[in-house]
Structure formats: structure tokens, C-alpha cells
PDB file of all heavy atoms in Angstrom:
ATOM      1  N   LEU A   1      12.357  60.976  37.921  1.00  0.00           N
ATOM      2  CA  LEU A   1      12.854  60.164  36.815  1.00  0.00           C
ATOM      3  C   LEU A   1      14.369  60.144  36.830  1.00  0.00           C
ATOM      4  O   LEU A   1      15.012  61.196  36.713  1.00  0.00           O
ATOM      5  CB  LEU A   1      12.340  60.699  35.487  1.00  0.00           C
ATOM      6  CG  LEU A   1      10.820  60.773  35.334  1.00  0.00           C
ATOM      7  CD1 LEU A   1      10.427  61.477  34.063  1.00  0.00           C
ATOM      8  CD2 LEU A   1      10.204  59.380  35.406  1.00  0.00           C
ATOM      9  N   ALA A   2      14.940  58.990  36.994  1.00  0.00           N
ATOM     10  CA  ALA A   2      16.384  58.827  36.979  1.00  0.00           C
ATOM     11  C   ALA A   2      16.902  59.176  35.591  1.00  0.00           C
ATOM     12  O   ALA A   2      16.259  58.865  34.590  1.00  0.00           O
ATOM     13  CB  ALA A   2      16.781  57.414  37.357  1.00  0.00           C
ATOM     14  N   GLY A   3      18.050  59.836  35.517  1.00  0.00           N
ATOM     15  CA  GLY A   3      18.608  60.178  34.225  1.00  0.00           C
ATOM     16  C   GLY A   3      19.568  61.332  34.321  1.00  0.00           C
ATOM     17  O   GLY A   3      19.927  61.788  35.408  1.00  0.00           O
ATOM     18  N   ASP A   4      19.983  61.808  33.171  1.00  0.00           N
ATOM     19  CA  ASP A   4      20.985  62.866  33.085  1.00  0.00           C
ATOM     20  C   ASP A   4      20.463  64.247  33.461  1.00  0.00           C
ATOM     21  O   ASP A   4      21.205  65.099  33.900  1.00  0.00           O
ATOM     22  CB  ASP A   4      21.600  62.920  31.694  1.00  0.00           C
ATOM     23  CG  ASP A   4      22.393  61.685  31.355  1.00  0.00           C
ATOM     24  OD1 ASP A   4      22.845  61.005  32.314  1.00  0.00           O
ATOM     25  OD2 ASP A   4      22.531  61.382  30.157  1.00  0.00           O
ATOM     26  N   ARG A   5      19.167  64.472  33.272  1.00  0.00           N
ATOM     27  CA  ARG A   5      18.622  65.787  33.580  1.00  0.00           C
ATOM     28  C   ARG A   5      17.467  65.614  34.553  1.00  0.00           C
ATOM     29  O   ARG A   5      16.680  64.645  34.451  1.00  0.00           O
ATOM     30  CB  ARG A   5      18.164  66.514  32.316  1.00  0.00           C
ATOM     31  CG  ARG A   5      17.044  65.875  31.587  1.00  0.00           C
ATOM     32  CD  ARG A   5      16.656  66.706  30.336  1.00  0.00           C
ATOM     33  NE  ARG A   5      15.526  66.094  29.667  1.00  0.00           N
ATOM     34  CZ  ARG A   5      14.257  66.512  29.851  1.00  0.00           C
ATOM     35  NH1 ARG A   5      13.990  67.515  30.638  1.00  0.00           N
ATOM     36  NH2 ARG A   5      13.275  65.900  29.208  1.00  0.00           N
ATOM     37  N   PRO A   6      17.330  66.545  35.499  1.00  0.00           N
ATOM     38  CA  PRO A   6      16.253  66.417  36.481  1.00  0.00           C
ATOM     39  C   PRO A   6      14.886  66.487  35.786  1.00  0.00           C
ATOM     40  O   PRO A   6      14.668  67.360  34.933  1.00  0.00           O
ATOM     41  CB  PRO A   6      16.444  67.617  37.403  1.00  0.00           C
ATOM     42  CG  PRO A   6      17.842  68.084  37.156  1.00  0.00           C
ATOM     43  CD  PRO A   6      18.184  67.677  35.745  1.00  0.00           C
ATOM     44  N   ALA A   7      14.012  65.568  36.139  1.00  0.00           N
ATOM     45  CA  ALA A   7      12.654  65.587  35.611  1.00  0.00           C
ATOM     46  C   ALA A   7      11.762  64.756  36.540  1.00  0.00           C
ATOM     47  O   ALA A   7      12.244  63.850  37.238  1.00  0.00           O
ATOM     48  CB  ALA A   7      12.608  65.024  34.194  1.00  0.00           C
ATOM     49  N   SER A   8      10.503  65.059  36.545  1.00  0.00           N
ATOM     50  CA  SER A   8       9.568  64.270  37.355  1.00  0.00           C
ATOM     51  C   SER A   8       8.188  64.260  36.656  1.00  0.00           C
ATOM     52  O   SER A   8       7.870  65.138  35.853  1.00  0.00           O
ATOM     53  CB  SER A   8       9.429  64.823  38.753  1.00  0.00           C
ATOM     54  OG  SER A   8       8.913  66.123  38.733  1.00  0.00           O
ATOM     55  N   ILE A   9       7.433  63.246  36.993  1.00  0.00           N
ATOM     56  CA  ILE A   9       6.030  63.137  36.555  1.00  0.00           C
ATOM     57  C   ILE A   9       5.163  63.412  37.803  1.00  0.00           C
ATOM     58  O   ILE A   9       5.379  62.806  38.837  1.00  0.00           O
ATOM     59  CB  ILE A   9       5.719  61.729  36.018  1.00  0.00           C
ATOM     60  CG1 ILE A   9       6.583  61.416  34.807  1.00  0.00           C
ATOM     61  CG2 ILE A   9       4.229  61.592  35.689  1.00  0.00           C
ATOM     62  CD1 ILE A   9       6.468  59.974  34.331  1.00  0.00           C
ATOM     63  N   GLU A  10       4.222  64.335  37.671  1.00  0.00           N
ATOM     64  CA  GLU A  10       3.316  64.617  38.771  1.00  0.00           C
ATOM     65  C   GLU A  10       1.996  63.878  38.539  1.00  0.00           C
ATOM     66  O   GLU A  10       1.424  63.945  37.449  1.00  0.00           O
ATOM     67  CB  GLU A  10       3.043  66.096  38.876  1.00  0.00           C
ATOM     68  CG  GLU A  10       2.065  66.427  40.009  1.00  0.00           C
ATOM     69  CD  GLU A  10       1.639  67.882  40.045  1.00  0.00           C
ATOM     70  OE1 GLU A  10       2.031  68.659  39.165  1.00  0.00           O
ATOM     71  OE2 GLU A  10       0.886  68.220  40.987  1.00  0.00           O
ATOM     72  N   VAL A  11       1.546  63.197  39.580  1.00  0.00           N
ATOM     73  CA  VAL A  11       0.277  62.452  39.520  1.00  0.00           C
ATOM     74  C   VAL A  11      -0.610  62.949  40.664  1.00  0.00           C
ATOM     75  O   VAL A  11      -0.218  62.840  41.833  1.00  0.00           O
ATOM     76  CB  VAL A  11       0.508  60.933  39.637  1.00  0.00           C
ATOM     77  CG1 VAL A  11      -0.826  60.221  39.556  1.00  0.00           C
ATOM     78  CG2 VAL A  11       1.491  60.447  38.598  1.00  0.00           C
ATOM     79  N   ARG A  12      -1.761  63.471  40.322  1.00  0.00           N
ATOM     80  CA  ARG A  12      -2.761  63.813  41.321  1.00  0.00           C
ATOM     81  C   ARG A  12      -3.779  62.705  41.303  1.00  0.00           C
ATOM     82  O   ARG A  12      -4.269  62.324  40.227  1.00  0.00           O
ATOM     83  CB  ARG A  12      -3.398  65.143  41.004  1.00  0.00           C
ATOM     84  CG  ARG A  12      -2.436  66.261  41.029  1.00  0.00           C
ATOM     85  CD  ARG A  12      -3.056  67.568  40.591  1.00  0.00           C
ATOM     86  NE  ARG A  12      -1.974  68.467  40.164  1.00  0.00           N
ATOM     87  CZ  ARG A  12      -2.139  69.495  39.360  1.00  0.00           C
ATOM     88  NH1 ARG A  12      -3.329  69.755  38.855  1.00  0.00           N
ATOM     89  NH2 ARG A  12      -1.120  70.240  39.045  1.00  0.00           N
ATOM     90  N   GLY A  13      -4.098  62.186  42.487  1.00  0.00           N
ATOM     91  CA  GLY A  13      -5.016  61.051  42.491  1.00  0.00           C
ATOM     92  C   GLY A  13      -5.746  60.894  43.813  1.00  0.00           C
ATOM     93  O   GLY A  13      -5.660  61.735  44.697  1.00  0.00           O
ATOM     94  N   THR A  14      -6.473  59.783  43.865  1.00  0.00           N
ATOM     95  CA  THR A  14      -7.273  59.445  45.035  1.00  0.00           C
ATOM     96  C   THR A  14      -6.888  58.034  45.484  1.00  0.00           C
ATOM     97  O   THR A  14      -6.735  57.133  44.645  1.00  0.00           O
ATOM     98  CB  THR A  14      -8.787  59.470  44.674  1.00  0.00           C
ATOM     99  OG1 THR A  14      -9.092  60.781  44.203  1.00  0.00           O
ATOM    100  CG2 THR A  14      -9.642  59.138  45.861  1.00  0.00           C
ATOM    101  N   VAL A  15      -6.805  57.852  46.788  1.00  0.00           N
ATOM    102  CA  VAL A  15      -6.561  56.525  47.335  1.00  0.00           C
ATOM    103  C   VAL A  15      -7.879  55.776  47.292  1.00  0.00           C
ATOM    104  O   VAL A  15      -8.892  56.245  47.830  1.00  0.00           O
ATOM    105  CB  VAL A  15      -6.009  56.617  48.769  1.00  0.00           C
ATOM    106  CG1 VAL A  15      -5.949  55.256  49.409  1.00  0.00           C
ATOM    107  CG2 VAL A  15      -4.636  57.273  48.756  1.00  0.00           C
ATOM    108  N   VAL A  16      -7.873  54.617  46.625  1.00  0.00           N
ATOM    109  CA  VAL A  16      -9.103  53.824  46.515  1.00  0.00           C
ATOM    110  C   VAL A  16      -9.122  52.626  47.427  1.00  0.00           C
ATOM    111  O   VAL A  16     -10.176  52.003  47.596  1.00  0.00           O
ATOM    112  CB  VAL A  16      -9.352  53.389  45.040  1.00  0.00           C
ATOM    113  CG1 VAL A  16      -9.611  54.612  44.165  1.00  0.00           C
ATOM    114  CG2 VAL A  16      -8.208  52.581  44.493  1.00  0.00           C
ATOM    115  N   ASP A  17      -7.985  52.323  48.044  1.00  0.00           N
ATOM    116  CA  ASP A  17      -7.955  51.199  49.000  1.00  0.00           C
ATOM    117  C   ASP A  17      -6.715  51.283  49.860  1.00  0.00           C
ATOM    118  O   ASP A  17      -5.638  51.710  49.391  1.00  0.00           O
ATOM    119  CB  ASP A  17      -7.968  49.855  48.265  1.00  0.00           C
ATOM    120  CG  ASP A  17      -8.521  48.725  49.107  1.00  0.00           C
ATOM    121  OD1 ASP A  17      -8.854  48.955  50.292  1.00  0.00           O
ATOM    122  OD2 ASP A  17      -8.602  47.589  48.574  1.00  0.00           O
ATOM    123  N   LEU A  18      -6.856  50.925  51.132  1.00  0.00           N
ATOM    124  CA  LEU A  18      -5.762  50.805  52.072  1.00  0.00           C
ATOM    125  C   LEU A  18      -5.744  49.311  52.483  1.00  0.00           C
ATOM    126  O   LEU A  18      -6.615  48.876  53.257  1.00  0.00           O
ATOM    127  CB  LEU A  18      -6.003  51.710  53.287  1.00  0.00           C
ATOM    128  CG  LEU A  18      -6.031  53.194  52.988  1.00  0.00           C
ATOM    129  CD1 LEU A  18      -6.547  53.987  54.185  1.00  0.00           C
ATOM    130  CD2 LEU A  18      -4.624  53.695  52.600  1.00  0.00           C
ATOM    131  N   ILE A  19      -4.787  48.568  51.987  1.00  0.00           N
ATOM    132  CA  ILE A  19      -4.787  47.133  52.112  1.00  0.00           C
ATOM    133  C   ILE A  19      -3.794  46.690  53.194  1.00  0.00           C
ATOM    134  O   ILE A  19      -2.603  46.931  53.084  1.00  0.00           O
ATOM    135  CB  ILE A  19      -4.421  46.469  50.765  1.00  0.00           C
ATOM    136  CG1 ILE A  19      -5.372  46.966  49.673  1.00  0.00           C
ATOM    137  CG2 ILE A  19      -4.423  44.949  50.877  1.00  0.00           C
ATOM    138  CD1 ILE A  19      -4.826  46.774  48.252  1.00  0.00           C
ATOM    139  N   THR A  20      -4.294  46.075  54.247  1.00  0.00           N
ATOM    140  CA  THR A  20      -3.464  45.631  55.361  1.00  0.00           C
ATOM    141  C   THR A  20      -3.319  44.112  55.332  1.00  0.00           C
ATOM    142  O   THR A  20      -3.589  43.479  54.326  1.00  0.00           O
ATOM    143  CB  THR A  20      -4.058  46.089  56.705  1.00  0.00           C
ATOM    144  OG1 THR A  20      -5.400  45.603  56.784  1.00  0.00           O
ATOM    145  CG2 THR A  20      -4.109  47.604  56.810  1.00  0.00           C
ATOM    146  N   GLY A  21      -2.885  43.560  56.427  1.00  0.00           N
ATOM    147  CA  GLY A  21      -2.774  42.088  56.542  1.00  0.00           C
ATOM    148  C   GLY A  21      -1.607  41.526  55.730  1.00  0.00           C
ATOM    149  O   GLY A  21      -0.624  42.205  55.482  1.00  0.00           O
ATOM    150  N   ASP A  22      -1.783  40.294  55.320  1.00  0.00           N
ATOM    151  CA  ASP A  22      -0.703  39.599  54.582  1.00  0.00           C
ATOM    152  C   ASP A  22      -0.325  40.309  53.303  1.00  0.00           C
ATOM    153  O   ASP A  22       0.853  40.370  52.949  1.00  0.00           O
ATOM    154  CB  ASP A  22      -1.102  38.156  54.268  1.00  0.00           C
ATOM    155  CG  ASP A  22      -1.202  37.289  55.503  1.00  0.00           C
ATOM    156  OD1 ASP A  22      -0.632  37.644  56.557  1.00  0.00           O
ATOM    157  OD2 ASP A  22      -1.854  36.223  55.424  1.00  0.00           O
ATOM    158  N   GLU A  23      -1.318  40.852  52.609  1.00  0.00           N
ATOM    159  CA  GLU A  23      -1.019  41.548  51.331  1.00  0.00           C
ATOM    160  C   GLU A  23      -0.186  42.823  51.560  1.00  0.00           C
ATOM    161  O   GLU A  23       0.730  43.125  50.794  1.00  0.00           O
ATOM    162  CB  GLU A  23      -2.310  41.875  50.568  1.00  0.00           C
ATOM    163  CG  GLU A  23      -2.054  42.384  49.186  1.00  0.00           C
ATOM    164  CD  GLU A  23      -3.326  42.588  48.359  1.00  0.00           C
ATOM    165  OE1 GLU A  23      -4.412  42.097  48.778  1.00  0.00           O
ATOM    166  OE2 GLU A  23      -3.250  43.230  47.305  1.00  0.00           O
ATOM    167  N   GLY A  24      -0.522  43.567  52.608  1.00  0.00           N
ATOM    168  CA  GLY A  24       0.253  44.772  52.924  1.00  0.00           C
ATOM    169  C   GLY A  24       1.691  44.426  53.278  1.00  0.00           C
ATOM    170  O   GLY A  24       2.641  45.080  52.861  1.00  0.00           O
ATOM    171  N   ARG A  25       1.866  43.343  54.045  1.00  0.00           N
ATOM    172  CA  ARG A  25       3.202  42.907  54.470  1.00  0.00           C
ATOM    173  C   ARG A  25       4.003  42.366  53.264  1.00  0.00           C
ATOM    174  O   ARG A  25       5.190  42.680  53.101  1.00  0.00           O
ATOM    175  CB  ARG A  25       3.084  41.818  55.558  1.00  0.00           C
ATOM    176  CG  ARG A  25       4.423  41.312  56.074  1.00  0.00           C
ATOM    177  CD  ARG A  25       5.157  42.409  56.807  1.00  0.00           C
ATOM    178  NE  ARG A  25       6.354  41.917  57.446  1.00  0.00           N
ATOM    179  CZ  ARG A  25       7.552  41.938  56.847  1.00  0.00           C
ATOM    180  NH1 ARG A  25       7.717  42.440  55.657  1.00  0.00           N
ATOM    181  NH2 ARG A  25       8.609  41.495  57.497  1.00  0.00           N
ATOM    182  N   ALA A  26       3.359  41.581  52.418  1.00  0.00           N
ATOM    183  CA  ALA A  26       4.045  41.027  51.241  1.00  0.00           C
ATOM    184  C   ALA A  26       4.445  42.132  50.278  1.00  0.00           C
ATOM    185  O   ALA A  26       5.526  42.049  49.663  1.00  0.00           O
ATOM    186  CB  ALA A  26       3.137  40.015  50.524  1.00  0.00           C
ATOM    187  N   HIS A  27       3.647  43.181  50.198  1.00  0.00           N
ATOM    188  CA  HIS A  27       3.956  44.275  49.290  1.00  0.00           C
ATOM    189  C   HIS A  27       5.255  44.997  49.645  1.00  0.00           C
ATOM    190  O   HIS A  27       6.050  45.314  48.750  1.00  0.00           O
ATOM    191  CB  HIS A  27       2.774  45.246  49.241  1.00  0.00           C
ATOM    192  CG  HIS A  27       2.960  46.361  48.264  1.00  0.00           C
ATOM    193  ND1 HIS A  27       3.068  47.653  48.638  1.00  0.00           N
ATOM    194  CD2 HIS A  27       3.110  46.329  46.917  1.00  0.00           C
ATOM    195  CE1 HIS A  27       3.262  48.408  47.548  1.00  0.00           C
ATOM    196  NE2 HIS A  27       3.259  47.626  46.500  1.00  0.00           N
ATOM    197  N   ILE A  28       5.518  45.220  50.955  1.00  0.00           N
ATOM    198  CA  ILE A  28       6.752  45.907  51.316  1.00  0.00           C
ATOM    199  C   ILE A  28       7.960  45.022  50.978  1.00  0.00           C
ATOM    200  O   ILE A  28       9.022  45.524  50.597  1.00  0.00           O
ATOM    201  CB  ILE A  28       6.779  46.376  52.787  1.00  0.00           C
ATOM    202  CG1 ILE A  28       7.925  47.367  53.031  1.00  0.00           C
ATOM    203  CG2 ILE A  28       6.907  45.201  53.754  1.00  0.00           C
ATOM    204  CD1 ILE A  28       7.898  48.610  52.191  1.00  0.00           C
ATOM    205  N   GLU A  29       7.779  43.728  51.041  1.00  0.00           N
ATOM    206  CA  GLU A  29       8.865  42.797  50.650  1.00  0.00           C
ATOM    207  C   GLU A  29       9.150  42.889  49.159  1.00  0.00           C
ATOM    208  O   GLU A  29      10.289  42.907  48.717  1.00  0.00           O
ATOM    209  CB  GLU A  29       8.582  41.378  51.072  1.00  0.00           C
ATOM    210  CG  GLU A  29       8.571  41.156  52.566  1.00  0.00           C
ATOM    211  CD  GLU A  29       9.893  41.475  53.276  1.00  0.00           C
ATOM    212  OE1 GLU A  29      10.956  41.435  52.639  1.00  0.00           O
ATOM    213  OE2 GLU A  29       9.836  41.774  54.480  1.00  0.00           O
ATOM    214  N   GLU A  30       8.070  42.962  48.355  1.00  0.00           N
ATOM    215  CA  GLU A  30       8.244  43.108  46.887  1.00  0.00           C
ATOM    216  C   GLU A  30       8.960  44.400  46.560  1.00  0.00           C
ATOM    217  O   GLU A  30       9.872  44.396  45.714  1.00  0.00           O
ATOM    218  CB  GLU A  30       6.840  43.095  46.213  1.00  0.00           C
ATOM    219  CG  GLU A  30       6.121  41.772  46.291  1.00  0.00           C
ATOM    220  CD  GLU A  30       4.658  41.914  45.862  1.00  0.00           C
ATOM    221  OE1 GLU A  30       4.294  42.906  45.219  1.00  0.00           O
ATOM    222  OE2 GLU A  30       3.881  40.989  46.197  1.00  0.00           O
ATOM    223  N   LEU A  31       8.557  45.484  47.202  1.00  0.00           N
ATOM    224  CA  LEU A  31       9.209  46.765  46.963  1.00  0.00           C
ATOM    225  C   LEU A  31      10.673  46.737  47.397  1.00  0.00           C
ATOM    226  O   LEU A  31      11.557  47.249  46.709  1.00  0.00           O
ATOM    227  CB  LEU A  31       8.466  47.904  47.716  1.00  0.00           C
ATOM    228  CG  LEU A  31       7.123  48.296  47.136  1.00  0.00           C
ATOM    229  CD1 LEU A  31       6.404  49.257  48.074  1.00  0.00           C
ATOM    230  CD2 LEU A  31       7.237  48.882  45.737  1.00  0.00           C
ATOM    231  N   SER A  32      10.953  46.120  48.530  1.00  0.00           N
ATOM    232  CA  SER A  32      12.312  46.023  49.021  1.00  0.00           C
ATOM    233  C   SER A  32      13.210  45.272  48.059  1.00  0.00           C
ATOM    234  O   SER A  32      14.346  45.670  47.751  1.00  0.00           O
ATOM    235  CB  SER A  32      12.333  45.362  50.412  1.00  0.00           C
ATOM    236  OG  SER A  32      13.637  45.392  50.949  1.00  0.00           O
ATOM    237  N   HIS A  33      12.708  44.166  47.530  1.00  0.00           N
ATOM    238  CA  HIS A  33      13.489  43.382  46.561  1.00  0.00           C
ATOM    239  C   HIS A  33      13.698  44.188  45.270  1.00  0.00           C
ATOM    240  O   HIS A  33      14.773  44.107  44.677  1.00  0.00           O
ATOM    241  CB  HIS A  33      12.849  42.022  46.304  1.00  0.00           C
ATOM    242  CG  HIS A  33      13.184  41.056  47.388  1.00  0.00           C
ATOM    243  ND1 HIS A  33      14.242  40.214  47.329  1.00  0.00           N
ATOM    244  CD2 HIS A  33      12.569  40.831  48.585  1.00  0.00           C
ATOM    245  CE1 HIS A  33      14.299  39.491  48.444  1.00  0.00           C
ATOM    246  NE2 HIS A  33      13.279  39.852  49.227  1.00  0.00           N
ATOM    247  N   LYS A  34      12.704  44.945  44.875  1.00  0.00           N
ATOM    248  CA  LYS A  34      12.828  45.797  43.682  1.00  0.00           C
ATOM    249  C   LYS A  34      13.912  46.854  43.859  1.00  0.00           C
ATOM    250  O   LYS A  34      14.749  47.079  42.977  1.00  0.00           O
ATOM    251  CB  LYS A  34      11.468  46.476  43.388  1.00  0.00           C
ATOM    252  CG  LYS A  34      11.546  47.529  42.296  1.00  0.00           C
ATOM    253  CD  LYS A  34      10.172  48.223  42.139  1.00  0.00           C
ATOM    254  CE  LYS A  34      10.232  49.446  41.242  1.00  0.00           C
ATOM    255  NZ  LYS A  34       8.924  50.091  41.096  1.00  0.00           N
ATOM    256  N   TYR A  35      13.904  47.530  45.001  1.00  0.00           N
ATOM    257  CA  TYR A  35      14.800  48.682  45.200  1.00  0.00           C
ATOM    258  C   TYR A  35      16.158  48.315  45.769  1.00  0.00           C
ATOM    259  O   TYR A  35      17.150  48.959  45.404  1.00  0.00           O
ATOM    260  CB  TYR A  35      14.118  49.742  46.105  1.00  0.00           C
ATOM    261  CG  TYR A  35      13.120  50.580  45.331  1.00  0.00           C
ATOM    262  CD1 TYR A  35      11.803  50.190  45.208  1.00  0.00           C
ATOM    263  CD2 TYR A  35      13.509  51.759  44.713  1.00  0.00           C
ATOM    264  CE1 TYR A  35      10.895  50.942  44.512  1.00  0.00           C
ATOM    265  CE2 TYR A  35      12.607  52.517  43.997  1.00  0.00           C
ATOM    266  CZ  TYR A  35      11.286  52.107  43.890  1.00  0.00           C
ATOM    267  OH  TYR A  35      10.394  52.873  43.193  1.00  0.00           O
ATOM    268  N   ILE A  36      16.213  47.366  46.697  1.00  0.00           N
ATOM    269  CA  ILE A  36      17.531  47.056  47.302  1.00  0.00           C
ATOM    270  C   ILE A  36      17.956  45.603  47.166  1.00  0.00           C
ATOM    271  O   ILE A  36      19.017  45.239  47.650  1.00  0.00           O
ATOM    272  CB  ILE A  36      17.571  47.499  48.789  1.00  0.00           C
ATOM    273  CG1 ILE A  36      16.547  46.737  49.630  1.00  0.00           C
ATOM    274  CG2 ILE A  36      17.376  49.017  48.888  1.00  0.00           C
ATOM    275  CD1 ILE A  36      16.662  47.018  51.137  1.00  0.00           C
TER     276      ILE A  36
END
């Protein structure tokens, strides 16, 4: 968590799908635009 004091949220989970193809490729572009 960005901020003045160090903090994080821990999530334990299960992968329910591994999505490849056009959707997998489009997703990295969405993330890239979000972050950089």
C-alpha cells in the first residue's frame, strides 16, 4: 500500500483461470497503461 507508513494487504487464494490468447495480451497492455 503506497503511503506514508509501510503497510500491505495479504491475500491467500487460488488461481481459477489462466487466460491466454488475445485476452492475455490485451491485459498486459491495460496494466502497462495503468502503471506507466
